[in-house]
Amino acid sequence: MKYLVQLKRWIKSTGFQFSHLSKEKYTCPICGYQGSFANFVLAESEIIKHSRCPSCDSFERHRLQKLVIDQLKKDINFGKMRMLHFAPEYFFQEYFKPLVGEYITADLSMNKVDYKVDLTSLPFKNAEFDIVFASHVLEHIKDDRKALSEIRRVLKPKGIAILPVPIVGVQTIERLSEQKGQLMLIEAAGRLFAEGFMFKLVLVGDGSFREQIETAIANSRLEETVEITGWATEAQVQQQILADRAMVLPSFAEGLPVVIMESLALGRPVISTYVAGIPELVEPNLSGWLIPAGSVEALVTAMRIVLQTPVSQLEQMGEMGRQRVAQQHNIQQNAEKLAHLFTINSLSYS
């Protein structure tokens, strides 16, 4: 059966290779496939390019996790570890089984697992496992705090829990919502328009807050100045960023916004707020401007500066941002950093 599965994979991936000979070539660190990757279609207007390995069906998150484990292997002897893998991906099962001392799989709904259990109520003793691995599981559990408590209970002291979860949506440009500060952005645009500035403000995205934003646009008589595009494809987003002088994200709450990384990577400076991880990306007066969240005055000032700054200077700022993103958000370097963090307090095995 194992060899039949491998044969089917080889036939599928080889056929994909020959039909995409002129496309970009990549290497999958999980199965070793070399060639083009498939796009992942979420919806008609939502396509993630070069996402799925045509051989093992892994996605970006899986390949990053594999790179992290490879780094951990340099410092930890997995051969003596007992591992619990919740919601196991089949390609990771093949990888982990020969890697660890004892490999146990579990899930609430999957059939081919060792234990059919709820992550909030595990049937294991305290401190049974050296590693618990559950990728993109916690976001599907209503009481995630209880699940985390159970994971902590079954982990040995200084054990390792690898629990990746998504922190951003699939839309490249932000959804229209109150926490993104778009009403404040409309107010700032109205003040600049009243000062005599001629400009175009484009909001790329959509959401339940769109009606309130459209009302604010109409009340400020900015119908010819502000445009809402709705959801856009990856290519459309990139075209829009490149067509603009700068990107504005006056959020009240964020994590580490991908849209800021995208804008800087495309050489466009950014106006944003001193919230969460944003200051890690935007260097004030070097690659953009940071303002206090909720300050319309500060937002008006930053937008005024952008409109008055020569394009050549904005391009220089954008280039500094591009270099910073390239240096700090390299996938290989980040995998090594994650692996280092995992090993700081982990058990020593000999």
C-alpha atoms as a PDB file:
ATOM      1  CA  MET A   1       0.000   0.000   0.000  1.00  0.00           C
ATOM      2  CA  LYS A   2       2.837   2.392   0.902  1.00  0.00           C
ATOM      3  CA  TYR A   3       4.537   1.876  -2.454  1.00  0.00           C
ATOM      4  CA  LEU A   4       1.244   2.267  -4.316  1.00  0.00           C
ATOM      5  CA  VAL A   5       0.716   5.657  -2.648  1.00  0.00           C
ATOM      6  CA  GLN A   6       4.265   6.680  -3.567  1.00  0.00           C
ATOM      7  CA  LEU A   7       3.701   5.589  -7.171  1.00  0.00           C
ATOM      8  CA  LYS A   8       0.490   7.610  -7.416  1.00  0.00           C
ATOM      9  CA  ARG A   9       2.307  10.648  -6.037  1.00  0.00           C
ATOM     10  CA  TRP A  10       5.140  10.240  -8.520  1.00  0.00           C
ATOM     11  CA  ILE A  11       2.746   9.969 -11.459  1.00  0.00           C
ATOM     12  CA  LYS A  12       0.799  13.028 -10.312  1.00  0.00           C
ATOM     13  CA  SER A  13       3.849  15.213  -9.642  1.00  0.00           C
ATOM     14  CA  THR A  14       5.631  14.153 -12.841  1.00  0.00           C
ATOM     15  CA  GLY A  15       2.578  14.988 -14.917  1.00  0.00           C
ATOM     16  CA  PHE A  16       2.361  18.379 -13.231  1.00  0.00           C
ATOM     17  CA  GLN A  17       6.069  19.012 -13.888  1.00  0.00           C
ATOM     18  CA  PHE A  18       5.793  18.346 -17.616  1.00  0.00           C
ATOM     19  CA  SER A  19       2.712  20.543 -17.952  1.00  0.00           C
ATOM     20  CA  HIS A  20       4.447  23.458 -16.175  1.00  0.00           C
ATOM     21  CA  LEU A  21       7.990  23.309 -17.583  1.00  0.00           C
ATOM     22  CA  SER A  22       8.142  27.073 -18.197  1.00  0.00           C
ATOM     23  CA  LYS A  23       7.023  27.999 -14.659  1.00  0.00           C
ATOM     24  CA  GLU A  24       9.139  28.926 -11.635  1.00  0.00           C
ATOM     25  CA  LYS A  25      10.922  26.002  -9.975  1.00  0.00           C
ATOM     26  CA  TYR A  26      10.881  25.276  -6.230  1.00  0.00           C
ATOM     27  CA  THR A  27      12.022  22.510  -3.877  1.00  0.00           C
ATOM     28  CA  CYS A  28       9.737  20.961  -1.260  1.00  0.00           C
ATOM     29  CA  PRO A  29      11.707  20.307   1.965  1.00  0.00           C
ATOM     30  CA  ILE A  30       9.155  17.679   3.023  1.00  0.00           C
ATOM     31  CA  CYS A  31       9.119  15.236   0.088  1.00  0.00           C
ATOM     32  CA  GLY A  32      12.072  16.500  -1.968  1.00  0.00           C
ATOM     33  CA  TYR A  33       9.979  17.344  -5.051  1.00  0.00           C
ATOM     34  CA  GLN A  34      11.629  19.852  -7.423  1.00  0.00           C
ATOM     35  CA  GLY A  35       9.590  21.823  -9.935  1.00  0.00           C
ATOM     36  CA  SER A  36       6.641  24.179 -10.143  1.00  0.00           C
ATOM     37  CA  PHE A  37       4.150  24.453  -7.287  1.00  0.00           C
ATOM     38  CA  ALA A  38       0.393  24.653  -7.770  1.00  0.00           C
ATOM     39  CA  ASN A  39      -1.750  27.689  -7.006  1.00  0.00           C
ATOM     40  CA  PHE A  40      -4.294  27.355  -4.214  1.00  0.00           C
ATOM     41  CA  VAL A  41      -7.722  28.723  -5.169  1.00  0.00           C
ATOM     42  CA  LEU A  42      -9.736  29.851  -2.136  1.00  0.00           C
ATOM     43  CA  ALA A  43     -12.445  31.595  -4.135  1.00  0.00           C
ATOM     44  CA  GLU A  44     -12.890  33.112  -7.576  1.00  0.00           C
ATOM     45  CA  SER A  45     -10.935  36.236  -6.586  1.00  0.00           C
ATOM     46  CA  GLU A  46      -8.643  34.694  -3.959  1.00  0.00           C
ATOM     47  CA  ILE A  47      -5.657  32.807  -5.345  1.00  0.00           C
ATOM     48  CA  ILE A  48      -2.435  32.024  -3.484  1.00  0.00           C
ATOM     49  CA  LYS A  49       0.299  31.454  -6.052  1.00  0.00           C
ATOM     50  CA  HIS A  50       2.918  28.688  -5.831  1.00  0.00           C
ATOM     51  CA  SER A  51       1.303  27.357  -2.666  1.00  0.00           C
ATOM     52  CA  ARG A  52       0.747  23.583  -2.879  1.00  0.00           C
ATOM     53  CA  CYS A  53       3.405  20.966  -3.531  1.00  0.00           C
ATOM     54  CA  PRO A  54       1.965  18.747  -6.312  1.00  0.00           C
ATOM     55  CA  SER A  55       3.723  15.700  -4.882  1.00  0.00           C
ATOM     56  CA  CYS A  56       2.900  15.621  -1.156  1.00  0.00           C
ATOM     57  CA  ASP A  57       0.155  18.331  -1.125  1.00  0.00           C
ATOM     58  CA  SER A  58       1.913  20.374   1.566  1.00  0.00           C
ATOM     59  CA  PHE A  59       1.378  24.122   1.849  1.00  0.00           C
ATOM     60  CA  GLU A  60       3.665  26.978   2.901  1.00  0.00           C
ATOM     61  CA  ARG A  61       2.989  26.546   6.622  1.00  0.00           C
ATOM     62  CA  HIS A  62       3.893  22.851   6.481  1.00  0.00           C
ATOM     63  CA  ARG A  63       7.165  23.521   4.688  1.00  0.00           C
ATOM     64  CA  LEU A  64       8.119  26.209   7.222  1.00  0.00           C
ATOM     65  CA  GLN A  65       7.331  23.811  10.074  1.00  0.00           C
ATOM     66  CA  LYS A  66       9.575  21.184   8.449  1.00  0.00           C
ATOM     67  CA  LEU A  67      12.439  23.693   8.274  1.00  0.00           C
ATOM     68  CA  VAL A  68      11.950  24.504  11.973  1.00  0.00           C
ATOM     69  CA  ILE A  69      12.068  20.798  12.897  1.00  0.00           C
ATOM     70  CA  ASP A  70      15.228  20.388  10.805  1.00  0.00           C
ATOM     71  CA  GLN A  71      16.869  23.134  12.855  1.00  0.00           C
ATOM     72  CA  LEU A  72      15.714  21.551  16.116  1.00  0.00           C
ATOM     73  CA  LYS A  73      17.296  18.242  15.069  1.00  0.00           C
ATOM     74  CA  LYS A  74      20.707  19.882  15.233  1.00  0.00           C
ATOM     75  CA  ASP A  75      20.392  20.358  19.010  1.00  0.00           C
ATOM     76  CA  ILE A  76      17.936  17.684  20.175  1.00  0.00           C
ATOM     77  CA  ASN A  77      17.976  13.896  19.961  1.00  0.00           C
ATOM     78  CA  PHE A  78      14.405  13.181  18.862  1.00  0.00           C
ATOM     79  CA  GLY A  79      15.092   9.444  18.935  1.00  0.00           C
ATOM     80  CA  LYS A  80      14.335   9.276  22.675  1.00  0.00           C
ATOM     81  CA  MET A  81      11.230  11.456  22.574  1.00  0.00           C
ATOM     82  CA  ARG A  82       7.559  10.532  22.934  1.00  0.00           C
ATOM     83  CA  MET A  83       5.435  12.625  20.576  1.00  0.00           C
ATOM     84  CA  LEU A  84       1.690  13.354  20.396  1.00  0.00           C
ATOM     85  CA  HIS A  85       0.592  14.566  16.957  1.00  0.00           C
ATOM     86  CA  PHE A  86      -2.955  15.950  16.853  1.00  0.00           C
ATOM     87  CA  ALA A  87      -4.763  16.162  13.465  1.00  0.00           C
ATOM     88  CA  PRO A  88      -1.761  14.507  11.748  1.00  0.00           C
ATOM     89  CA  GLU A  89      -1.006  15.362   8.131  1.00  0.00           C
ATOM     90  CA  TYR A  90      -0.084  12.174   6.257  1.00  0.00           C
ATOM     91  CA  PHE A  91       3.200  13.579   4.913  1.00  0.00           C
ATOM     92  CA  PHE A  92       4.252  14.546   8.439  1.00  0.00           C
ATOM     93  CA  GLN A  93       3.315  11.086   9.719  1.00  0.00           C
ATOM     94  CA  GLU A  94       5.853   9.605   7.321  1.00  0.00           C
ATOM     95  CA  TYR A  95       8.440  12.102   8.546  1.00  0.00           C
ATOM     96  CA  PHE A  96       7.852  11.841  12.309  1.00  0.00           C
ATOM     97  CA  LYS A  97       7.420   8.055  12.705  1.00  0.00           C
ATOM     98  CA  PRO A  98      11.096   7.179  12.099  1.00  0.00           C
ATOM     99  CA  LEU A  99      12.302  10.406  13.729  1.00  0.00           C
ATOM    100  CA  VAL A 100      10.982  10.018  17.295  1.00  0.00           C
ATOM    101  CA  GLY A 101      11.146   7.214  19.855  1.00  0.00           C
ATOM    102  CA  GLU A 102       7.368   6.797  20.117  1.00  0.00           C
ATOM    103  CA  TYR A 103       4.841   8.460  17.798  1.00  0.00           C
ATOM    104  CA  ILE A 104       1.145   8.719  18.767  1.00  0.00           C
ATOM    105  CA  THR A 105      -1.572  10.301  16.631  1.00  0.00           C
ATOM    106  CA  ALA A 106      -4.926  11.673  17.793  1.00  0.00           C
ATOM    107  CA  ASP A 107      -7.920  13.583  16.473  1.00  0.00           C
ATOM    108  CA  LEU A 108     -11.612  14.045  17.152  1.00  0.00           C
ATOM    109  CA  SER A 109     -12.914  13.171  13.676  1.00  0.00           C
ATOM    110  CA  MET A 110     -10.126  11.448  11.698  1.00  0.00           C
ATOM    111  CA  ASN A 111     -10.398   7.667  11.430  1.00  0.00           C
ATOM    112  CA  LYS A 112      -6.818   6.465  10.937  1.00  0.00           C
ATOM    113  CA  VAL A 113      -5.395   7.726  14.239  1.00  0.00           C
ATOM    114  CA  ASP A 114      -4.318   5.978  17.426  1.00  0.00           C
ATOM    115  CA  TYR A 115      -6.807   7.869  19.617  1.00  0.00           C
ATOM    116  CA  LYS A 116     -10.102   9.527  18.672  1.00  0.00           C
ATOM    117  CA  VAL A 117     -10.221  12.203  21.368  1.00  0.00           C
ATOM    118  CA  ASP A 118     -11.122  15.816  22.080  1.00  0.00           C
ATOM    119  CA  LEU A 119      -8.127  18.078  22.610  1.00  0.00           C
ATOM    120  CA  THR A 120      -9.926  19.664  25.571  1.00  0.00           C
ATOM    121  CA  SER A 121     -10.167  16.272  27.330  1.00  0.00           C
ATOM    122  CA  LEU A 122      -7.124  14.095  26.661  1.00  0.00           C
ATOM    123  CA  PRO A 123      -7.049  10.520  28.053  1.00  0.00           C
ATOM    124  CA  PHE A 124      -3.362  10.691  28.930  1.00  0.00           C
ATOM    125  CA  LYS A 125      -1.531  10.950  32.238  1.00  0.00           C
ATOM    126  CA  ASN A 126       0.276  14.066  33.348  1.00  0.00           C
ATOM    127  CA  ALA A 127       3.706  14.678  31.806  1.00  0.00           C
ATOM    128  CA  GLU A 128       3.490  11.829  29.274  1.00  0.00           C
ATOM    129  CA  PHE A 129       4.919  13.538  26.186  1.00  0.00           C
ATOM    130  CA  ASP A 130       8.123  15.305  25.208  1.00  0.00           C
ATOM    131  CA  ILE A 131       6.487  16.950  22.151  1.00  0.00           C
ATOM    132  CA  VAL A 132       2.924  17.932  21.277  1.00  0.00           C
ATOM    133  CA  PHE A 133       2.401  18.984  17.661  1.00  0.00           C
ATOM    134  CA  ALA A 134      -0.941  20.459  16.512  1.00  0.00           C
ATOM    135  CA  SER A 135      -0.878  22.633  13.401  1.00  0.00           C
ATOM    136  CA  HIS A 136      -3.869  24.894  12.681  1.00  0.00           C
ATOM    137  CA  VAL A 137      -6.039  23.126  15.244  1.00  0.00           C
ATOM    138  CA  LEU A 138      -6.607  25.585  18.103  1.00  0.00           C
ATOM    139  CA  GLU A 139      -8.505  28.074  15.927  1.00  0.00           C
ATOM    140  CA  HIS A 140     -11.183  25.409  15.392  1.00  0.00           C
ATOM    141  CA  ILE A 141     -11.693  24.729  19.108  1.00  0.00           C
ATOM    142  CA  LYS A 142     -14.280  26.781  20.975  1.00  0.00           C
ATOM    143  CA  ASP A 143     -12.550  26.561  24.358  1.00  0.00           C
ATOM    144  CA  ASP A 144      -8.943  26.953  23.246  1.00  0.00           C
ATOM    145  CA  ARG A 145      -7.806  27.884  26.767  1.00  0.00           C
ATOM    146  CA  LYS A 146      -8.952  24.498  28.037  1.00  0.00           C
ATOM    147  CA  ALA A 147      -7.170  22.811  25.138  1.00  0.00           C
ATOM    148  CA  LEU A 148      -3.952  24.669  25.970  1.00  0.00           C
ATOM    149  CA  SER A 149      -4.334  23.644  29.598  1.00  0.00           C
ATOM    150  CA  GLU A 150      -4.653  19.989  28.567  1.00  0.00           C
ATOM    151  CA  ILE A 151      -1.601  20.246  26.323  1.00  0.00           C
ATOM    152  CA  ARG A 152       0.388  21.741  29.182  1.00  0.00           C
ATOM    153  CA  ARG A 153      -0.807  18.950  31.494  1.00  0.00           C
ATOM    154  CA  VAL A 154       0.330  16.081  29.277  1.00  0.00           C
ATOM    155  CA  LEU A 155       3.666  17.730  28.411  1.00  0.00           C
ATOM    156  CA  LYS A 156       6.743  16.847  30.434  1.00  0.00           C
ATOM    157  CA  PRO A 157       8.546  19.681  32.237  1.00  0.00           C
ATOM    158  CA  LYS A 158      10.452  21.651  29.578  1.00  0.00           C
ATOM    159  CA  GLY A 159       8.652  19.706  26.873  1.00  0.00           C
ATOM    160  CA  ILE A 160       8.027  21.260  23.460  1.00  0.00           C
ATOM    161  CA  ALA A 161       4.599  22.324  22.169  1.00  0.00           C
ATOM    162  CA  ILE A 162       4.470  23.286  18.486  1.00  0.00           C
ATOM    163  CA  LEU A 163       1.049  24.881  17.939  1.00  0.00           C
ATOM    164  CA  PRO A 164       0.957  27.066  14.806  1.00  0.00           C
ATOM    165  CA  VAL A 165      -2.256  29.070  14.248  1.00  0.00           C
ATOM    166  CA  PRO A 166      -3.178  31.618  11.538  1.00  0.00           C
ATOM    167  CA  ILE A 167      -2.894  35.243  12.683  1.00  0.00           C
ATOM    168  CA  VAL A 168      -4.028  36.990   9.483  1.00  0.00           C
ATOM    169  CA  GLY A 169      -6.773  36.467   6.961  1.00  0.00           C
ATOM    170  CA  VAL A 170      -6.230  35.440   3.338  1.00  0.00           C
ATOM    171  CA  GLN A 171      -7.027  38.890   1.986  1.00  0.00           C
ATOM    172  CA  THR A 172      -3.839  40.736   1.152  1.00  0.00           C
ATOM    173  CA  ILE A 173      -5.288  44.166   1.914  1.00  0.00           C
ATOM    174  CA  GLU A 174      -7.223  44.625   5.117  1.00  0.00           C
ATOM    175  CA  ARG A 175     -10.908  43.993   5.650  1.00  0.00           C
ATOM    176  CA  LEU A 176     -13.123  47.008   6.263  1.00  0.00           C
ATOM    177  CA  SER A 177     -13.687  47.047  10.016  1.00  0.00           C
ATOM    178  CA  GLU A 178     -13.748  49.540  12.857  1.00  0.00           C
ATOM    179  CA  GLN A 179     -10.453  48.390  14.373  1.00  0.00           C
ATOM    180  CA  LYS A 180      -8.607  49.205  11.129  1.00  0.00           C
ATOM    181  CA  GLY A 181      -9.213  52.933  11.657  1.00  0.00           C
ATOM    182  CA  GLN A 182     -10.810  53.568   8.274  1.00  0.00           C
ATOM    183  CA  LEU A 183     -13.370  56.073   9.608  1.00  0.00           C
ATOM    184  CA  MET A 184     -10.503  58.077  11.069  1.00  0.00           C
ATOM    185  CA  LEU A 185      -8.784  57.824   7.693  1.00  0.00           C
ATOM    186  CA  ILE A 186     -11.857  59.305   5.965  1.00  0.00           C
ATOM    187  CA  GLU A 187     -11.899  62.151   8.483  1.00  0.00           C
ATOM    188  CA  ALA A 188      -8.205  62.853   7.829  1.00  0.00           C
ATOM    189  CA  ALA A 189      -8.809  62.769   4.070  1.00  0.00           C
ATOM    190  CA  GLY A 190     -11.653  65.277   4.489  1.00  0.00           C
ATOM    191  CA  ARG A 191      -9.393  67.702   6.346  1.00  0.00           C
ATOM    192  CA  LEU A 192      -6.671  67.468   3.710  1.00  0.00           C
ATOM    193  CA  PHE A 193      -9.235  67.946   0.934  1.00  0.00           C
ATOM    194  CA  ALA A 194     -10.483  71.068   2.736  1.00  0.00           C
ATOM    195  CA  GLU A 195      -6.893  72.362   2.793  1.00  0.00           C
ATOM    196  CA  GLY A 196      -6.839  72.177  -0.987  1.00  0.00           C
ATOM    197  CA  PHE A 197      -4.870  68.954  -1.510  1.00  0.00           C
ATOM    198  CA  MET A 198      -5.836  66.942  -4.589  1.00  0.00           C
ATOM    199  CA  PHE A 199      -5.278  63.218  -4.139  1.00  0.00           C
ATOM    200  CA  LYS A 200      -6.858  59.784  -4.483  1.00  0.00           C
ATOM    201  CA  LEU A 201      -7.395  57.511  -1.477  1.00  0.00           C
ATOM    202  CA  VAL A 202      -8.054  53.869  -2.398  1.00  0.00           C
ATOM    203  CA  LEU A 203      -9.401  51.367   0.141  1.00  0.00           C
ATOM    204  CA  VAL A 204      -8.726  47.816  -1.052  1.00  0.00           C
ATOM    205  CA  GLY A 205     -10.886  45.279   0.738  1.00  0.00           C
ATOM    206  CA  ASP A 206     -14.428  44.728   1.887  1.00  0.00           C
ATOM    207  CA  GLY A 207     -16.394  43.770   4.969  1.00  0.00           C
ATOM    208  CA  SER A 208     -19.369  44.417   7.203  1.00  0.00           C
ATOM    209  CA  PHE A 209     -18.149  47.954   7.972  1.00  0.00           C
ATOM    210  CA  ARG A 210     -18.346  49.085   4.343  1.00  0.00           C
ATOM    211  CA  GLU A 211     -21.753  50.760   4.681  1.00  0.00           C
ATOM    212  CA  GLN A 212     -20.578  53.005   7.545  1.00  0.00           C
ATOM    213  CA  ILE A 213     -17.470  53.950   5.582  1.00  0.00           C
ATOM    214  CA  GLU A 214     -19.505  54.778   2.473  1.00  0.00           C
ATOM    215  CA  THR A 215     -21.783  56.950   4.612  1.00  0.00           C
ATOM    216  CA  ALA A 216     -18.758  58.794   6.010  1.00  0.00           C
ATOM    217  CA  ILE A 217     -17.418  59.303   2.484  1.00  0.00           C
ATOM    218  CA  ALA A 218     -20.740  60.759   1.338  1.00  0.00           C
ATOM    219  CA  ASN A 219     -21.079  63.004   4.411  1.00  0.00           C
ATOM    220  CA  SER A 220     -17.603  64.398   3.765  1.00  0.00           C
ATOM    221  CA  ARG A 221     -18.353  64.795   0.029  1.00  0.00           C
ATOM    222  CA  LEU A 222     -15.349  62.688  -0.874  1.00  0.00           C
ATOM    223  CA  GLU A 223     -16.990  60.461  -3.494  1.00  0.00           C
ATOM    224  CA  GLU A 224     -14.505  61.644  -6.149  1.00  0.00           C
ATOM    225  CA  THR A 225     -11.529  61.362  -3.779  1.00  0.00           C
ATOM    226  CA  VAL A 226     -12.059  58.037  -1.981  1.00  0.00           C
ATOM    227  CA  GLU A 227     -12.588  54.718  -3.773  1.00  0.00           C
ATOM    228  CA  ILE A 228     -13.453  51.298  -2.301  1.00  0.00           C
ATOM    229  CA  THR A 229     -12.390  48.514  -4.657  1.00  0.00           C
ATOM    230  CA  GLY A 230     -13.778  45.503  -2.795  1.00  0.00           C
ATOM    231  CA  TRP A 231     -11.777  42.284  -2.604  1.00  0.00           C
ATOM    232  CA  ALA A 232      -8.867  42.086  -5.037  1.00  0.00           C
ATOM    233  CA  THR A 233      -6.619  39.360  -6.416  1.00  0.00           C
ATOM    234  CA  GLU A 234      -2.959  39.199  -5.431  1.00  0.00           C
ATOM    235  CA  ALA A 235      -1.928  40.707  -8.779  1.00  0.00           C
ATOM    236  CA  GLN A 236      -4.474  43.531  -8.451  1.00  0.00           C
ATOM    237  CA  VAL A 237      -3.248  44.314  -4.947  1.00  0.00           C
ATOM    238  CA  GLN A 238       0.353  44.523  -6.130  1.00  0.00           C
ATOM    239  CA  GLN A 239      -0.639  46.782  -9.021  1.00  0.00           C
ATOM    240  CA  GLN A 240      -2.507  49.079  -6.642  1.00  0.00           C
ATOM    241  CA  ILE A 241       0.405  49.307  -4.197  1.00  0.00           C
ATOM    242  CA  LEU A 242       2.814  50.118  -7.023  1.00  0.00           C
ATOM    243  CA  ALA A 243       0.476  52.815  -8.340  1.00  0.00           C
ATOM    244  CA  ASP A 244       0.404  54.643  -4.982  1.00  0.00           C
ATOM    245  CA  ARG A 245       2.775  57.030  -3.243  1.00  0.00           C
ATOM    246  CA  ALA A 246       2.393  55.282   0.119  1.00  0.00           C
ATOM    247  CA  MET A 247       0.256  52.810   2.079  1.00  0.00           C
ATOM    248  CA  VAL A 248      -1.817  53.869   5.106  1.00  0.00           C
ATOM    249  CA  LEU A 249      -2.931  51.473   7.879  1.00  0.00           C
ATOM    250  CA  PRO A 250      -4.135  53.463  10.957  1.00  0.00           C
ATOM    251  CA  SER A 251      -5.171  50.389  12.959  1.00  0.00           C
ATOM    252  CA  PHE A 252      -6.177  50.286  16.622  1.00  0.00           C
ATOM    253  CA  ALA A 253      -5.338  46.560  16.902  1.00  0.00           C
ATOM    254  CA  GLU A 254      -2.980  44.369  14.858  1.00  0.00           C
ATOM    255  CA  GLY A 255      -0.478  41.550  15.020  1.00  0.00           C
ATOM    256  CA  LEU A 256       2.254  41.806  12.403  1.00  0.00           C
ATOM    257  CA  PRO A 257       0.349  43.011   9.306  1.00  0.00           C
ATOM    258  CA  VAL A 258       1.304  41.173   6.135  1.00  0.00           C
ATOM    259  CA  VAL A 259       0.081  44.124   4.051  1.00  0.00           C
ATOM    260  CA  ILE A 260       2.815  46.313   5.552  1.00  0.00           C
ATOM    261  CA  MET A 261       5.463  43.739   4.629  1.00  0.00           C
ATOM    262  CA  GLU A 262       4.017  43.562   1.122  1.00  0.00           C
ATOM    263  CA  SER A 263       4.036  47.335   0.682  1.00  0.00           C
ATOM    264  CA  LEU A 264       7.603  47.706   1.928  1.00  0.00           C
ATOM    265  CA  ALA A 265       8.724  44.740  -0.188  1.00  0.00           C
ATOM    266  CA  LEU A 266       7.300  46.573  -3.210  1.00  0.00           C
ATOM    267  CA  GLY A 267       9.204  49.741  -2.272  1.00  0.00           C
ATOM    268  CA  ARG A 268       6.382  51.859  -0.898  1.00  0.00           C
ATOM    269  CA  PRO A 269       6.667  53.721   2.448  1.00  0.00           C
ATOM    270  CA  VAL A 270       3.995  53.140   5.086  1.00  0.00           C
ATOM    271  CA  ILE A 271       1.956  55.249   7.498  1.00  0.00           C
ATOM    272  CA  SER A 272       0.786  53.196  10.466  1.00  0.00           C
ATOM    273  CA  THR A 273       0.444  53.159  14.256  1.00  0.00           C
ATOM    274  CA  TYR A 274       2.512  52.242  17.318  1.00  0.00           C
ATOM    275  CA  VAL A 275       0.558  48.990  17.738  1.00  0.00           C
ATOM    276  CA  ALA A 276       1.831  45.434  18.408  1.00  0.00           C
ATOM    277  CA  GLY A 277       4.549  44.401  15.935  1.00  0.00           C
ATOM    278  CA  ILE A 278       4.178  47.313  13.509  1.00  0.00           C
ATOM    279  CA  PRO A 279       7.225  49.233  14.881  1.00  0.00           C
ATOM    280  CA  GLU A 280       9.309  46.154  14.026  1.00  0.00           C
ATOM    281  CA  LEU A 281       8.522  46.814  10.362  1.00  0.00           C
ATOM    282  CA  VAL A 282       8.241  50.589   9.995  1.00  0.00           C
ATOM    283  CA  GLU A 283      11.160  52.828  10.997  1.00  0.00           C
ATOM    284  CA  PRO A 284       9.856  56.385  11.545  1.00  0.00           C
ATOM    285  CA  ASN A 285      11.185  58.864   8.968  1.00  0.00           C
ATOM    286  CA  LEU A 286      13.247  56.114   7.324  1.00  0.00           C
ATOM    287  CA  SER A 287      10.749  53.694   5.768  1.00  0.00           C
ATOM    288  CA  GLY A 288       7.550  55.463   6.812  1.00  0.00           C
ATOM    289  CA  TRP A 289       5.737  57.231   9.635  1.00  0.00           C
ATOM    290  CA  LEU A 290       4.261  55.935  12.892  1.00  0.00           C
ATOM    291  CA  ILE A 291       1.487  57.740  14.755  1.00  0.00           C
ATOM    292  CA  PRO A 292      -0.429  57.159  18.019  1.00  0.00           C
ATOM    293  CA  ALA A 293      -3.494  54.996  17.371  1.00  0.00           C
ATOM    294  CA  GLY A 294      -6.638  57.133  17.325  1.00  0.00           C
ATOM    295  CA  SER A 295      -4.907  60.481  16.655  1.00  0.00           C
ATOM    296  CA  VAL A 296      -6.562  62.151  13.682  1.00  0.00           C
ATOM    297  CA  GLU A 297      -4.216  65.142  13.979  1.00  0.00           C
ATOM    298  CA  ALA A 298      -1.133  62.947  13.732  1.00  0.00           C
ATOM    299  CA  LEU A 299      -2.628  61.049  10.783  1.00  0.00           C
ATOM    300  CA  VAL A 300      -3.387  64.293   8.939  1.00  0.00           C
ATOM    301  CA  THR A 301       0.179  65.470   9.527  1.00  0.00           C
ATOM    302  CA  ALA A 302       1.701  62.219   8.228  1.00  0.00           C
ATOM    303  CA  MET A 303      -0.530  62.144   5.148  1.00  0.00           C
ATOM    304  CA  ARG A 304       0.256  65.816   4.460  1.00  0.00           C
ATOM    305  CA  ILE A 305       3.976  65.017   4.557  1.00  0.00           C
ATOM    306  CA  VAL A 306       3.485  62.177   2.056  1.00  0.00           C
ATOM    307  CA  LEU A 307       1.606  64.460  -0.328  1.00  0.00           C
ATOM    308  CA  GLN A 308       4.291  67.152  -0.067  1.00  0.00           C
ATOM    309  CA  THR A 309       7.339  64.854  -0.299  1.00  0.00           C
ATOM    310  CA  PRO A 310       8.970  64.408  -3.732  1.00  0.00           C
ATOM    311  CA  VAL A 311       8.382  61.013  -5.312  1.00  0.00           C
ATOM    312  CA  SER A 312      12.143  60.404  -5.504  1.00  0.00           C
ATOM    313  CA  GLN A 313      12.428  60.737  -1.713  1.00  0.00           C
ATOM    314  CA  LEU A 314       9.445  58.446  -1.158  1.00  0.00           C
ATOM    315  CA  GLU A 315      11.125  55.888  -3.407  1.00  0.00           C
ATOM    316  CA  GLN A 316      14.289  56.080  -1.292  1.00  0.00           C
ATOM    317  CA  MET A 317      12.235  55.460   1.845  1.00  0.00           C
ATOM    318  CA  GLY A 318      10.494  52.567   0.138  1.00  0.00           C
ATOM    319  CA  GLU A 319      13.842  51.039  -0.810  1.00  0.00           C
ATOM    320  CA  MET A 320      15.000  51.203   2.825  1.00  0.00           C
ATOM    321  CA  GLY A 321      11.811  49.416   3.837  1.00  0.00           C
ATOM    322  CA  ARG A 322      12.315  46.789   1.148  1.00  0.00           C
ATOM    323  CA  GLN A 323      15.822  46.049   2.399  1.00  0.00           C
ATOM    324  CA  ARG A 324      14.597  45.783   5.995  1.00  0.00           C
ATOM    325  CA  VAL A 325      11.861  43.293   5.082  1.00  0.00           C
ATOM    326  CA  ALA A 326      14.312  41.221   3.015  1.00  0.00           C
ATOM    327  CA  GLN A 327      16.763  41.082   5.923  1.00  0.00           C
ATOM    328  CA  GLN A 328      14.306  40.379   8.741  1.00  0.00           C
ATOM    329  CA  HIS A 329      11.720  38.162   7.056  1.00  0.00           C
ATOM    330  CA  ASN A 330      13.809  35.559   5.263  1.00  0.00           C
ATOM    331  CA  ILE A 331      12.124  32.155   5.635  1.00  0.00           C
ATOM    332  CA  GLN A 332      15.370  30.227   6.278  1.00  0.00           C
ATOM    333  CA  GLN A 333      16.570  32.735   8.880  1.00  0.00           C
ATOM    334  CA  ASN A 334      13.182  32.802  10.601  1.00  0.00           C
ATOM    335  CA  ALA A 335      13.079  29.002  10.753  1.00  0.00           C
ATOM    336  CA  GLU A 336      16.477  29.018  12.457  1.00  0.00           C
ATOM    337  CA  LYS A 337      15.312  31.668  14.953  1.00  0.00           C
ATOM    338  CA  LEU A 338      12.165  29.678  15.771  1.00  0.00           C
ATOM    339  CA  ALA A 339      14.217  26.542  16.281  1.00  0.00           C
ATOM    340  CA  HIS A 340      16.554  28.428  18.628  1.00  0.00           C
ATOM    341  CA  LEU A 341      13.608  29.641  20.705  1.00  0.00           C
ATOM    342  CA  PHE A 342      12.265  26.099  20.996  1.00  0.00           C
ATOM    343  CA  THR A 343      15.620  24.792  22.232  1.00  0.00           C
ATOM    344  CA  ILE A 344      16.320  27.462  24.867  1.00  0.00           C
ATOM    345  CA  ASN A 345      14.393  25.665  27.633  1.00  0.00           C
ATOM    346  CA  SER A 346      14.018  22.218  26.125  1.00  0.00           C
ATOM    347  CA  LEU A 347      15.222  18.979  27.642  1.00  0.00           C
ATOM    348  CA  SER A 348      18.746  17.797  26.949  1.00  0.00           C
ATOM    349  CA  TYR A 349      18.821  14.321  25.451  1.00  0.00           C
ATOM    350  CA  SER A 350      21.885  12.226  24.991  1.00  0.00           C
END
